[in-house]
N, C-alpha and C. Protein backbone atom coordinates (compact mmCIF):
# COMPACT_ATOMS: atom_id res chain seq x y z
N UNK A 1 25.60 -8.51 -16.18
CA UNK A 1 24.77 -8.80 -17.34
C UNK A 1 25.67 -7.73 -17.64
N UNK A 2 25.71 -8.35 -19.37
CA UNK A 2 26.18 -8.22 -20.42
C UNK A 2 24.85 -6.94 -21.18
N UNK A 3 25.44 -5.89 -21.60
CA UNK A 3 24.09 -4.55 -22.36
C UNK A 3 25.20 -4.51 -23.99
N UNK A 4 24.25 -4.59 -25.15
CA UNK A 4 25.21 -4.18 -26.34
C UNK A 4 24.17 -2.98 -26.94
N UNK A 5 24.26 -2.92 -27.37
CA UNK A 5 23.20 -1.62 -28.56
C UNK A 5 23.12 -2.80 -29.44
N UNK A 6 21.97 -2.85 -29.85
CA UNK A 6 21.48 -3.57 -30.97
C UNK A 6 20.37 -4.17 -31.34
N UNK A 7 19.50 -3.42 -32.56
CA UNK A 7 18.18 -3.90 -33.03
C UNK A 7 17.63 -5.19 -33.64
N UNK A 8 18.92 -5.72 -34.30
CA UNK A 8 18.98 -6.67 -35.11
C UNK A 8 18.85 -8.51 -34.26
N UNK A 9 18.88 -9.39 -34.86
CA UNK A 9 18.42 -10.78 -34.22
C UNK A 9 20.03 -11.60 -34.25
N UNK A 10 20.27 -11.20 -35.84
CA UNK A 10 21.44 -11.60 -36.16
C UNK A 10 22.25 -13.55 -35.80
N UNK A 11 22.21 -13.49 -35.21
CA UNK A 11 23.51 -14.53 -34.71
C UNK A 11 22.43 -15.66 -33.44
N UNK A 12 21.60 -14.47 -32.72
CA UNK A 12 20.91 -14.99 -32.29
C UNK A 12 19.88 -16.12 -32.62
N UNK A 13 19.88 -16.28 -33.67
CA UNK A 13 18.34 -17.14 -34.76
C UNK A 13 18.95 -19.33 -33.87
N UNK A 14 20.65 -18.96 -33.75
CA UNK A 14 20.91 -20.36 -33.58
C UNK A 14 20.59 -20.93 -31.90
N UNK A 15 20.16 -19.96 -31.28
CA UNK A 15 19.74 -20.35 -29.94
C UNK A 15 18.65 -20.32 -29.27
N UNK A 16 18.19 -21.73 -28.38
CA UNK A 16 16.67 -22.25 -28.49
C UNK A 16 16.12 -21.19 -27.59
N UNK A 17 15.16 -20.80 -28.00
CA UNK A 17 13.94 -20.35 -27.55
C UNK A 17 13.44 -21.02 -26.28
N UNK A 18 13.44 -19.63 -25.25
CA UNK A 18 12.86 -20.21 -23.92
C UNK A 18 11.37 -19.03 -24.20
N UNK A 19 11.34 -18.08 -23.72
CA UNK A 19 10.19 -17.21 -24.42
C UNK A 19 10.19 -16.89 -25.70
N UNK A 20 9.23 -17.04 -26.16
CA UNK A 20 8.78 -16.37 -27.22
C UNK A 20 8.03 -15.08 -27.17
N UNK A 21 7.92 -14.42 -28.21
CA UNK A 21 6.37 -13.47 -28.10
C UNK A 21 5.93 -13.44 -29.61
N UNK A 22 5.14 -12.69 -30.20
CA UNK A 22 4.86 -12.67 -31.54
C UNK A 22 3.92 -13.62 -32.28
N UNK A 23 3.53 -15.04 -31.28
CA UNK A 23 2.81 -15.65 -32.23
C UNK A 23 3.41 -16.82 -32.64
N UNK A 24 4.29 -17.26 -32.00
CA UNK A 24 5.58 -17.63 -32.13
C UNK A 24 5.22 -19.51 -31.14
N UNK A 25 6.16 -20.37 -31.28
CA UNK A 25 5.16 -21.77 -30.48
C UNK A 25 5.56 -21.62 -29.17
N UNK A 26 6.17 -20.87 -29.42
CA UNK A 26 7.14 -20.54 -27.50
C UNK A 26 6.57 -19.60 -26.69
N UNK A 27 5.56 -18.90 -27.41
CA UNK A 27 4.49 -18.05 -27.24
C UNK A 27 3.88 -18.64 -25.54
N UNK A 28 3.94 -17.68 -24.77
CA UNK A 28 3.57 -18.16 -22.73
C UNK A 28 1.64 -17.80 -22.87
N UNK A 29 1.18 -18.03 -21.80
CA UNK A 29 0.17 -17.89 -21.15
C UNK A 29 0.41 -16.74 -19.71
N UNK A 30 0.83 -15.53 -19.63
CA UNK A 30 1.34 -14.96 -19.04
C UNK A 30 -0.23 -14.66 -17.90
N UNK A 31 0.68 -15.22 -16.27
CA UNK A 31 -0.45 -14.49 -15.41
C UNK A 31 -0.18 -13.66 -14.53
N UNK A 32 -0.91 -12.53 -14.45
CA UNK A 32 -0.54 -11.48 -13.68
C UNK A 32 -0.84 -11.78 -12.54
N UNK A 33 0.10 -11.49 -11.38
CA UNK A 33 0.25 -12.15 -10.07
C UNK A 33 0.10 -10.44 -9.33
N UNK A 34 1.94 -9.85 -9.03
CA UNK A 34 1.46 -8.54 -8.23
C UNK A 34 1.38 -7.96 -6.85
N UNK A 35 1.29 -7.29 -6.21
CA UNK A 35 0.65 -6.84 -4.83
C UNK A 35 -0.16 -6.85 -4.91
N UNK A 36 -1.28 -7.29 -5.93
CA UNK A 36 -2.81 -7.79 -4.79
C UNK A 36 -2.88 -8.37 -4.15
N UNK A 37 -2.00 -9.67 -3.97
CA UNK A 37 -2.38 -10.81 -3.56
C UNK A 37 -2.54 -10.45 -2.02
N UNK A 38 -1.93 -9.11 -1.55
CA UNK A 38 -1.77 -8.65 -0.68
C UNK A 38 -2.22 -7.71 0.55
N UNK A 39 -2.94 -6.81 -0.57
CA UNK A 39 -3.70 -6.04 -0.90
C UNK A 39 -3.31 -4.35 -1.37
N UNK A 40 -1.88 -4.67 -2.54
CA UNK A 40 -2.00 -3.86 -3.14
C UNK A 40 -2.87 -3.36 -4.14
N UNK A 41 -1.99 -2.31 -4.73
CA UNK A 41 -3.14 -1.48 -5.80
C UNK A 41 -2.22 -1.93 -7.54
N UNK A 42 -1.49 -2.47 -7.44
CA UNK A 42 -0.51 -2.57 -8.17
C UNK A 42 -1.27 -3.14 -9.63
N UNK A 43 -0.70 -2.97 -10.74
CA UNK A 43 -1.05 -4.21 -11.55
C UNK A 43 -0.34 -4.33 -12.67
N UNK A 44 0.11 -4.99 -13.38
CA UNK A 44 0.88 -5.33 -14.87
C UNK A 44 0.12 -6.60 -15.59
N UNK A 45 0.69 -6.38 -16.88
CA UNK A 45 0.29 -7.82 -17.58
C UNK A 45 1.35 -7.81 -18.69
N UNK A 46 1.42 -9.17 -19.68
CA UNK A 46 2.80 -9.28 -20.34
C UNK A 46 1.80 -9.37 -21.65
N UNK A 47 1.89 -8.66 -22.19
CA UNK A 47 1.03 -9.26 -24.04
C UNK A 47 2.12 -9.09 -25.15
N UNK A 48 2.09 -9.82 -25.92
CA UNK A 48 2.87 -9.61 -27.67
C UNK A 48 2.37 -8.97 -28.31
N UNK A 49 3.38 -7.80 -29.09
CA UNK A 49 2.69 -7.08 -29.95
C UNK A 49 2.41 -7.05 -31.47
N UNK A 50 2.08 -6.29 -32.15
CA UNK A 50 2.06 -7.19 -33.60
C UNK A 50 3.16 -6.98 -34.23
N UNK A 51 4.00 -6.22 -33.54
CA UNK A 51 5.65 -5.38 -34.10
C UNK A 51 6.51 -7.12 -33.89
N UNK A 52 6.17 -8.35 -33.27
CA UNK A 52 6.83 -9.39 -32.57
C UNK A 52 7.17 -8.95 -31.34
N UNK A 53 7.36 -8.18 -30.15
CA UNK A 53 7.89 -8.48 -29.48
C UNK A 53 7.13 -8.24 -27.66
N UNK A 54 7.31 -8.61 -27.01
CA UNK A 54 6.59 -8.73 -25.61
C UNK A 54 6.46 -7.40 -25.10
N UNK A 55 5.79 -7.33 -24.63
CA UNK A 55 4.80 -6.50 -23.78
C UNK A 55 4.77 -6.09 -21.93
N UNK A 56 5.86 -5.77 -20.87
CA UNK A 56 5.45 -6.02 -20.44
C UNK A 56 5.15 -4.69 -18.88
N UNK A 57 4.21 -4.18 -18.84
CA UNK A 57 3.42 -2.77 -18.92
C UNK A 57 2.29 -3.16 -17.52
N UNK A 58 2.27 -2.22 -16.75
CA UNK A 58 1.18 -1.53 -15.85
C UNK A 58 2.26 0.29 -15.06
N UNK A 59 1.03 -0.42 -13.58
CA UNK A 59 1.27 0.85 -12.94
C UNK A 59 1.53 0.55 -11.69
N UNK A 60 2.54 1.19 -10.61
CA UNK A 60 3.23 0.41 -9.79
C UNK A 60 2.64 1.17 -8.54
N UNK A 61 1.54 0.64 -7.70
CA UNK A 61 1.09 2.13 -7.02
C UNK A 61 1.71 1.63 -4.79
N UNK A 62 1.78 2.52 -4.59
CA UNK A 62 1.79 2.34 -3.11
C UNK A 62 0.76 2.07 -1.78
N UNK A 63 -0.64 2.24 -2.47
CA UNK A 63 -1.69 1.96 -2.19
C UNK A 63 -1.74 0.83 -1.07
N UNK A 64 -1.91 1.41 0.09
CA UNK A 64 -2.74 -0.36 1.22
C UNK A 64 -1.24 -1.20 0.94
N UNK A 65 0.22 -0.52 1.02
CA UNK A 65 0.89 -1.98 1.45
C UNK A 65 2.00 -2.04 -0.25
N UNK A 66 1.40 -1.80 -0.63
CA UNK A 66 1.67 -2.55 -2.22
C UNK A 66 3.12 -1.49 -3.11
N UNK A 67 3.34 -1.54 -3.62
CA UNK A 67 4.65 -1.64 -4.37
C UNK A 67 5.37 -2.32 -5.36
N UNK A 68 4.29 -3.38 -6.39
CA UNK A 68 5.17 -4.30 -7.27
C UNK A 68 3.83 -4.75 -7.83
N UNK A 69 4.55 -4.70 -9.60
CA UNK A 69 3.53 -5.75 -10.60
C UNK A 69 4.53 -6.68 -10.73
N UNK A 70 3.98 -8.23 -10.99
CA UNK A 70 4.76 -8.74 -11.52
C UNK A 70 3.41 -10.21 -12.39
N UNK A 71 3.97 -10.71 -13.41
CA UNK A 71 3.32 -11.74 -14.02
C UNK A 71 4.23 -13.13 -14.01
N UNK A 72 3.63 -13.70 -14.38
CA UNK A 72 4.23 -15.11 -14.04
C UNK A 72 3.37 -16.29 -15.18
N UNK A 73 4.44 -17.00 -15.95
CA UNK A 73 3.87 -17.91 -17.07
C UNK A 73 4.86 -19.71 -16.65
N UNK A 74 3.88 -20.24 -16.89
CA UNK A 74 4.93 -21.97 -16.51
C UNK A 74 5.15 -22.19 -18.29
N UNK A 75 6.01 -22.99 -18.50
CA UNK A 75 6.53 -23.35 -19.05
C UNK A 75 5.72 -24.03 -19.37
N UNK A 76 5.44 -25.01 -20.90
CA UNK A 76 4.48 -26.16 -21.53
C UNK A 76 4.95 -27.61 -21.17
N UNK A 77 6.83 -27.75 -20.94
CA UNK A 77 6.78 -28.76 -19.86
C UNK A 77 8.33 -27.87 -19.13
N UNK A 78 9.01 -28.83 -18.49
CA UNK A 78 10.16 -28.70 -18.17
C UNK A 78 11.23 -28.28 -18.55
N UNK A 79 12.09 -27.74 -18.90
CA UNK A 79 13.60 -26.99 -19.68
C UNK A 79 14.31 -27.55 -19.09
N UNK A 80 15.73 -28.31 -19.62
CA UNK A 80 16.81 -28.71 -19.24
C UNK A 80 18.00 -27.78 -19.84
N UNK A 81 18.19 -26.62 -18.85
CA UNK A 81 19.08 -25.98 -19.46
C UNK A 81 20.28 -26.24 -19.63
N UNK A 82 20.78 -27.28 -18.89
CA UNK A 82 22.20 -27.87 -18.09
C UNK A 82 23.04 -27.48 -19.75
N UNK A 83 22.75 -27.19 -20.82
CA UNK A 83 23.62 -27.02 -21.62
C UNK A 83 24.53 -25.28 -22.13
N UNK A 84 23.76 -24.78 -21.06
CA UNK A 84 23.64 -23.84 -21.55
C UNK A 84 23.93 -22.98 -20.59
N UNK A 85 24.15 -21.52 -20.51
CA UNK A 85 24.79 -20.23 -19.72
C UNK A 85 24.12 -19.48 -18.56
N UNK A 86 23.21 -19.42 -19.57
CA UNK A 86 21.91 -18.30 -18.65
C UNK A 86 20.98 -18.14 -19.89
N UNK A 87 20.44 -16.94 -20.21
CA UNK A 87 19.06 -16.13 -20.90
C UNK A 87 19.43 -14.98 -21.73
N UNK A 88 19.66 -14.84 -22.41
CA UNK A 88 20.13 -13.48 -23.63
C UNK A 88 18.35 -13.02 -24.01
N UNK A 89 18.36 -12.09 -24.04
CA UNK A 89 17.48 -10.57 -24.02
C UNK A 89 17.35 -9.40 -25.01
N UNK A 90 16.50 -8.78 -26.36
CA UNK A 90 17.18 -7.86 -26.74
C UNK A 90 15.64 -6.89 -25.92
N UNK A 91 16.38 -6.15 -25.05
CA UNK A 91 14.88 -4.65 -24.60
C UNK A 91 15.43 -3.93 -24.71
N UNK A 92 14.35 -3.15 -23.87
CA UNK A 92 14.04 -1.72 -24.22
C UNK A 92 12.91 -1.30 -22.91
N UNK A 93 13.82 -0.31 -21.84
CA UNK A 93 12.79 0.20 -20.36
C UNK A 93 12.42 1.27 -21.04
N UNK A 94 12.77 1.79 -19.29
CA UNK A 94 11.99 3.15 -19.46
C UNK A 94 12.65 3.76 -18.59
N UNK A 95 13.72 3.51 -17.70
CA UNK A 95 14.85 3.90 -16.49
C UNK A 95 14.28 2.65 -14.86
N UNK A 96 13.67 2.19 -15.17
CA UNK A 96 12.95 1.15 -14.08
C UNK A 96 14.38 0.17 -14.55
N UNK A 97 14.14 -0.43 -12.84
CA UNK A 97 14.56 -2.11 -13.13
C UNK A 97 14.26 -3.15 -13.11
N UNK A 98 14.25 -3.93 -13.72
CA UNK A 98 13.08 -5.40 -13.70
C UNK A 98 14.22 -6.28 -13.21
N UNK A 99 13.24 -7.43 -13.09
CA UNK A 99 13.96 -8.86 -12.73
C UNK A 99 12.84 -10.09 -13.47
N UNK A 100 13.86 -11.09 -13.94
CA UNK A 100 12.70 -11.91 -14.60
C UNK A 100 13.59 -13.35 -13.50
N UNK A 101 12.48 -13.97 -13.14
CA UNK A 101 12.84 -14.79 -12.07
C UNK A 101 12.50 -16.36 -12.75
N UNK A 102 12.95 -17.80 -12.82
CA UNK A 102 13.18 -18.69 -12.84
C UNK A 102 12.42 -19.50 -11.22
N UNK A 103 11.62 -20.02 -11.46
CA UNK A 103 11.40 -21.62 -10.80
C UNK A 103 11.38 -22.79 -10.90
N UNK A 104 11.55 -23.90 -10.31
CA UNK A 104 12.33 -25.16 -10.96
C UNK A 104 10.12 -25.78 -10.75
N UNK A 105 9.58 -24.93 -10.31
CA UNK A 105 8.31 -25.56 -9.69
C UNK A 105 6.64 -24.78 -10.88
N UNK A 106 5.42 -24.82 -10.86
CA UNK A 106 5.04 -24.26 -11.36
C UNK A 106 4.20 -23.27 -10.02
N UNK A 107 4.60 -23.84 -9.16
CA UNK A 107 4.10 -22.91 -7.83
C UNK A 107 3.98 -21.63 -7.81
N UNK A 108 3.19 -21.08 -8.00
CA UNK A 108 3.97 -19.46 -7.30
C UNK A 108 4.32 -19.13 -5.70
N UNK A 109 4.63 -20.64 -4.90
CA UNK A 109 4.26 -20.17 -3.74
C UNK A 109 5.57 -20.62 -3.57
N UNK A 110 6.38 -21.15 -5.28
CA UNK A 110 7.43 -21.96 -4.47
C UNK A 110 9.01 -20.93 -4.75
N UNK A 111 9.92 -20.97 -4.47
CA UNK A 111 11.19 -20.18 -4.05
C UNK A 111 11.45 -19.99 -5.71
N UNK A 112 11.72 -18.70 -6.00
CA UNK A 112 11.65 -18.32 -7.10
C UNK A 112 12.95 -17.25 -7.36
N UNK A 113 14.05 -17.94 -8.49
CA UNK A 113 15.33 -17.82 -8.48
C UNK A 113 15.06 -16.03 -9.26
N UNK A 114 15.60 -15.04 -9.23
CA UNK A 114 15.79 -13.48 -10.18
C UNK A 114 17.25 -13.03 -10.11
N UNK A 115 17.03 -12.66 -10.95
CA UNK A 115 18.12 -11.28 -11.73
C UNK A 115 17.02 -10.34 -12.10
N UNK A 116 17.88 -9.36 -12.21
CA UNK A 116 17.69 -7.24 -12.21
C UNK A 116 18.05 -7.24 -13.22
N UNK A 117 17.94 -6.40 -14.09
CA UNK A 117 18.80 -5.58 -15.33
C UNK A 117 17.38 -4.67 -15.35
N UNK A 118 18.73 -3.42 -16.20
CA UNK A 118 18.29 -1.86 -16.21
C UNK A 118 18.54 -2.06 -17.67
N UNK A 119 17.57 -1.66 -18.76
CA UNK A 119 17.73 -1.70 -20.38
C UNK A 119 18.10 -0.28 -20.77
N UNK A 120 18.29 -0.36 -21.90
CA UNK A 120 18.60 0.94 -22.04
C UNK A 120 17.16 1.72 -22.22
N UNK A 121 17.04 3.08 -21.96
CA UNK A 121 15.76 3.64 -22.56
C UNK A 121 15.82 4.12 -24.10
N UNK A 122 16.72 4.29 -24.95
CA UNK A 122 17.05 4.93 -26.17
C UNK A 122 16.98 3.88 -27.25
N UNK A 123 17.45 2.43 -27.17
CA UNK A 123 17.90 1.28 -28.14
C UNK A 123 18.05 0.05 -27.37
N UNK A 124 17.93 -1.02 -28.16
CA UNK A 124 17.58 -1.63 -27.47
C UNK A 124 18.56 -2.47 -27.57
N UNK A 125 18.42 -3.18 -25.70
CA UNK A 125 19.86 -3.34 -25.56
C UNK A 125 19.89 -5.02 -25.15
N UNK A 126 20.90 -5.85 -25.79
CA UNK A 126 21.15 -7.27 -25.86
C UNK A 126 21.31 -7.09 -23.95
N UNK A 127 20.68 -7.82 -23.17
CA UNK A 127 21.22 -8.35 -21.94
C UNK A 127 21.55 -9.88 -21.38
N UNK A 128 22.34 -10.49 -20.91
CA UNK A 128 22.55 -11.66 -21.07
C UNK A 128 22.46 -11.86 -18.95
N UNK A 129 21.51 -12.68 -18.89
CA UNK A 129 21.86 -13.28 -17.30
C UNK A 129 22.25 -14.43 -17.12
N UNK A 130 23.26 -14.49 -16.70
CA UNK A 130 24.16 -16.20 -16.47
C UNK A 130 23.35 -16.73 -15.51
N UNK A 131 22.76 -17.70 -15.26
CA UNK A 131 22.27 -18.47 -14.78
C UNK A 131 22.48 -18.31 -13.06
N UNK A 132 23.96 -18.92 -13.44
CA UNK A 132 24.89 -18.72 -11.65
C UNK A 132 24.52 -17.66 -10.73
N UNK A 133 24.09 -16.70 -11.77
CA UNK A 133 23.87 -15.03 -10.91
C UNK A 133 22.01 -14.95 -10.33
N UNK A 134 21.28 -15.72 -10.31
CA UNK A 134 20.04 -16.21 -10.39
C UNK A 134 20.37 -15.99 -8.50
N UNK A 135 19.57 -15.65 -7.53
CA UNK A 135 19.34 -15.05 -6.38
C UNK A 135 18.34 -16.06 -6.35
N UNK A 136 18.04 -17.05 -4.60
CA UNK A 136 16.35 -17.10 -4.37
C UNK A 136 16.17 -16.62 -3.53
N UNK A 137 14.75 -16.08 -3.53
CA UNK A 137 14.07 -15.26 -2.53
C UNK A 137 12.77 -15.66 -2.62
N UNK A 138 12.06 -15.49 -1.63
CA UNK A 138 10.39 -16.45 -1.70
C UNK A 138 9.71 -14.57 -0.72
N UNK A 139 9.34 -14.04 -1.78
CA UNK A 139 7.71 -13.35 -1.19
C UNK A 139 8.97 -11.83 -1.12
N UNK A 140 9.93 -12.47 -1.77
CA UNK A 140 10.91 -10.60 -2.09
C UNK A 140 11.89 -10.60 -1.47
N UNK A 141 12.00 -11.78 -0.62
CA UNK A 141 13.26 -11.66 0.74
C UNK A 141 14.26 -12.31 0.19
N UNK A 142 15.23 -12.86 0.29
CA UNK A 142 16.42 -13.58 0.21
C UNK A 142 15.85 -14.73 0.44
N UNK A 143 17.26 -15.93 -0.10
CA UNK A 143 16.77 -16.56 0.85
C UNK A 143 18.33 -17.18 0.99
N UNK A 144 19.13 -17.41 1.76
CA UNK A 144 20.62 -17.05 1.59
C UNK A 144 20.91 -19.19 1.86
N UNK A 145 19.81 -19.71 2.31
CA UNK A 145 20.30 -20.88 2.61
C UNK A 145 19.91 -22.16 1.56
N UNK A 146 19.01 -21.12 0.55
CA UNK A 146 18.22 -22.39 -0.89
C UNK A 146 19.03 -22.96 -1.83
N UNK A 147 18.96 -23.90 -2.03
CA UNK A 147 18.83 -24.89 -2.60
C UNK A 147 19.28 -23.89 -3.78
N UNK A 148 20.66 -24.41 -4.40
CA UNK A 148 21.00 -23.62 -5.72
C UNK A 148 20.07 -23.44 -7.45
N UNK A 149 19.72 -22.99 -7.84
CA UNK A 149 18.69 -23.35 -9.22
C UNK A 149 19.28 -24.42 -9.58
N UNK A 150 18.10 -25.57 -10.07
CA UNK A 150 18.04 -26.54 -10.42
C UNK A 150 18.27 -26.17 -12.21
N UNK A 151 19.18 -25.84 -13.08
CA UNK A 151 18.53 -25.20 -14.50
C UNK A 151 18.47 -26.58 -15.62
N UNK A 152 18.65 -27.75 -14.81
CA UNK A 152 18.41 -29.39 -15.68
C UNK A 152 16.71 -29.33 -15.58
N UNK A 153 15.43 -28.34 -14.86
CA UNK A 153 14.82 -28.28 -14.35
C UNK A 153 13.68 -26.88 -14.22
N UNK A 154 13.62 -26.35 -15.41
CA UNK A 154 12.99 -24.70 -15.60
C UNK A 154 12.13 -25.12 -15.42
N UNK A 155 10.97 -25.01 -14.62
CA UNK A 155 9.20 -25.07 -15.20
C UNK A 155 8.54 -24.04 -15.52
N UNK A 156 8.84 -22.84 -14.74
CA UNK A 156 7.77 -21.21 -15.26
C UNK A 156 9.04 -20.41 -14.75
N UNK A 157 8.53 -18.98 -15.31
CA UNK A 157 8.86 -17.87 -15.81
C UNK A 157 8.62 -16.95 -14.80
N UNK A 158 9.07 -15.67 -14.65
CA UNK A 158 8.32 -14.39 -14.36
C UNK A 158 8.86 -13.56 -14.42
N UNK A 159 8.27 -11.84 -14.29
CA UNK A 159 9.38 -10.93 -14.94
C UNK A 159 8.32 -10.10 -13.51
N UNK A 160 9.17 -8.83 -13.23
CA UNK A 160 8.87 -8.01 -11.99
C UNK A 160 9.01 -6.98 -12.21
N UNK A 161 8.66 -6.10 -11.17
CA UNK A 161 8.95 -4.38 -10.95
C UNK A 161 8.73 -4.35 -9.98
N UNK A 162 9.92 -4.22 -9.01
CA UNK A 162 9.34 -4.07 -8.08
C UNK A 162 10.60 -2.70 -7.25
N UNK A 163 10.90 -3.35 -5.53
CA UNK A 163 11.36 -1.74 -5.07
C UNK A 163 10.74 -0.53 -5.26
N UNK A 164 9.49 -0.81 -4.91
CA UNK A 164 8.55 0.55 -4.60
C UNK A 164 9.27 2.01 -5.70
N UNK A 165 8.90 1.37 -7.26
CA UNK A 165 9.51 2.05 -8.60
C UNK A 165 7.62 2.48 -9.13
N UNK A 166 7.54 3.49 -8.41
CA UNK A 166 6.47 4.28 -8.69
C UNK A 166 5.60 4.78 -9.91
N UNK A 167 4.78 4.60 -10.16
CA UNK A 167 4.16 5.42 -11.66
C UNK A 167 4.11 3.98 -12.44
N UNK A 168 3.73 4.20 -13.71
CA UNK A 168 3.27 3.72 -15.24
C UNK A 168 4.96 3.40 -15.63
N UNK A 169 4.63 2.00 -15.86
CA UNK A 169 6.06 1.23 -16.46
C UNK A 169 5.98 0.48 -18.04
N UNK A 170 6.59 0.37 -18.63
CA UNK A 170 6.95 -0.25 -19.72
C UNK A 170 8.28 -0.78 -20.06
N UNK A 171 7.78 -1.95 -20.21
CA UNK A 171 9.42 -2.91 -20.71
C UNK A 171 8.89 -3.46 -22.12
N UNK A 172 9.27 -3.32 -23.32
CA UNK A 172 9.51 -4.10 -24.39
C UNK A 172 10.69 -4.77 -24.76
N UNK A 173 10.43 -6.48 -24.93
CA UNK A 173 11.26 -7.43 -25.24
C UNK A 173 11.12 -8.64 -26.37
N UNK A 174 12.30 -8.67 -26.97
CA UNK A 174 12.30 -9.66 -27.81
C UNK A 174 12.35 -11.18 -26.92
N UNK A 175 12.58 -12.08 -27.90
CA UNK A 175 12.48 -13.88 -27.47
C UNK A 175 13.70 -13.40 -26.33
N UNK A 176 13.64 -14.27 -25.41
CA UNK A 176 14.39 -14.86 -24.68
C UNK A 176 14.57 -16.16 -25.04
N UNK A 177 16.20 -16.38 -25.39
CA UNK A 177 17.43 -16.84 -25.67
C UNK A 177 18.05 -18.07 -24.78
N UNK A 178 18.22 -19.12 -25.24
CA UNK A 178 19.31 -19.42 -23.74
C UNK A 178 20.70 -19.67 -24.91
N UNK A 179 21.46 -18.72 -23.96
CA UNK A 179 23.06 -18.51 -24.68
C UNK A 179 24.13 -19.42 -23.65
């Protein structure tokens, strides 16, 4: 992961947008998943702000075996990202570590390839996540014998806050572009 403090998009505009926020054509419908699927009480949501950034927020609780919040969005059609190295976004966090997930399927029970990052709290950080560093997981556990991420067929994206990081969380992010 590479981070640079910068509030502007600058040269990012020349890269294709994978996920957009703020009423753009790349804006997605996010579905909250989280630990409620196993009886937990955590919650989370992704919304677009009037200022044009995405906001992933909620509360992680340990009640009933919980400890994570997540949201998933299906891409309108599968994306072939084979000409690109990874995903870049500008983000501002709250001292928590987040994960972006990529799937080759829209089935939420399929393997999700995750990459973690911890954005700066005081400045917008440029986060670059190389496709080669996304790790296969299923239900939060590593799947070492899984096929590698097929970047020729990205079908859905996810956001996670996990690892029992209890309390409220707030992640602000600008568009995710391919780099």
